[in-house]
Protein backbone atom coordinates (compact mmCIF):
# COMPACT_ATOMS: atom_id res chain seq x y z
CA MET A 1 68.73 138.75 71.52
CA LYS A 2 72.08 138.35 69.83
CA THR A 3 74.70 136.49 71.86
CA LYS A 4 78.08 138.08 72.06
CA ILE A 5 80.91 135.86 70.91
CA ARG A 6 84.03 137.89 71.43
CA ASN A 7 84.74 140.52 74.00
CA SER A 8 86.38 143.73 72.99
CA LYS A 9 90.14 143.86 73.56
CA ILE A 10 89.80 147.43 74.78
CA LYS A 11 87.07 146.45 77.24
CA LYS A 12 89.27 143.69 78.65
CA ALA A 13 92.23 146.05 78.92
CA ARG A 14 90.05 148.50 80.85
CA MET A 15 89.24 145.79 83.36
CA VAL A 16 92.62 144.14 83.80
CA GLY A 17 95.20 146.62 82.53
CA PHE A 18 97.88 148.45 84.48
CA ARG A 19 95.96 151.74 84.50
CA ALA A 20 92.80 150.01 85.68
CA ARG A 21 94.70 148.53 88.62
CA GLN A 22 96.23 151.90 89.46
CA LYS A 23 92.75 153.31 90.03
CA THR A 24 92.10 151.26 93.18
CA ALA A 25 94.05 150.95 96.41
CA GLY A 26 94.22 147.15 96.09
CA GLY A 27 95.38 147.42 92.50
CA ARG A 28 98.16 149.83 93.42
CA LYS A 29 99.31 147.29 95.98
CA VAL A 30 99.41 144.61 93.26
CA ASN A 31 101.41 146.86 90.93
CA LYS A 32 103.81 147.78 93.71
CA ARG A 33 104.36 144.09 94.49
CA ARG A 34 104.95 143.28 90.82
CA ARG A 35 107.40 146.15 90.48
CA ALA A 36 109.29 144.97 93.56
CA ARG A 37 109.53 141.40 92.30
CA HIS A 38 110.33 142.01 88.66
CA GLY A 39 111.86 145.47 88.54
CA ALA A 40 109.89 147.53 86.03
CA ILE A 41 106.62 145.91 85.03
């Protein structure tokens, strides 16, 4: 079995990106909090 060295940038973005967070209730809460603290994200 070949070991994976580097993770795909796209895959990481899918897990931790803005849109990924918007898809869950908890994530929307995080985005809302960030928007409140820093204006636009």
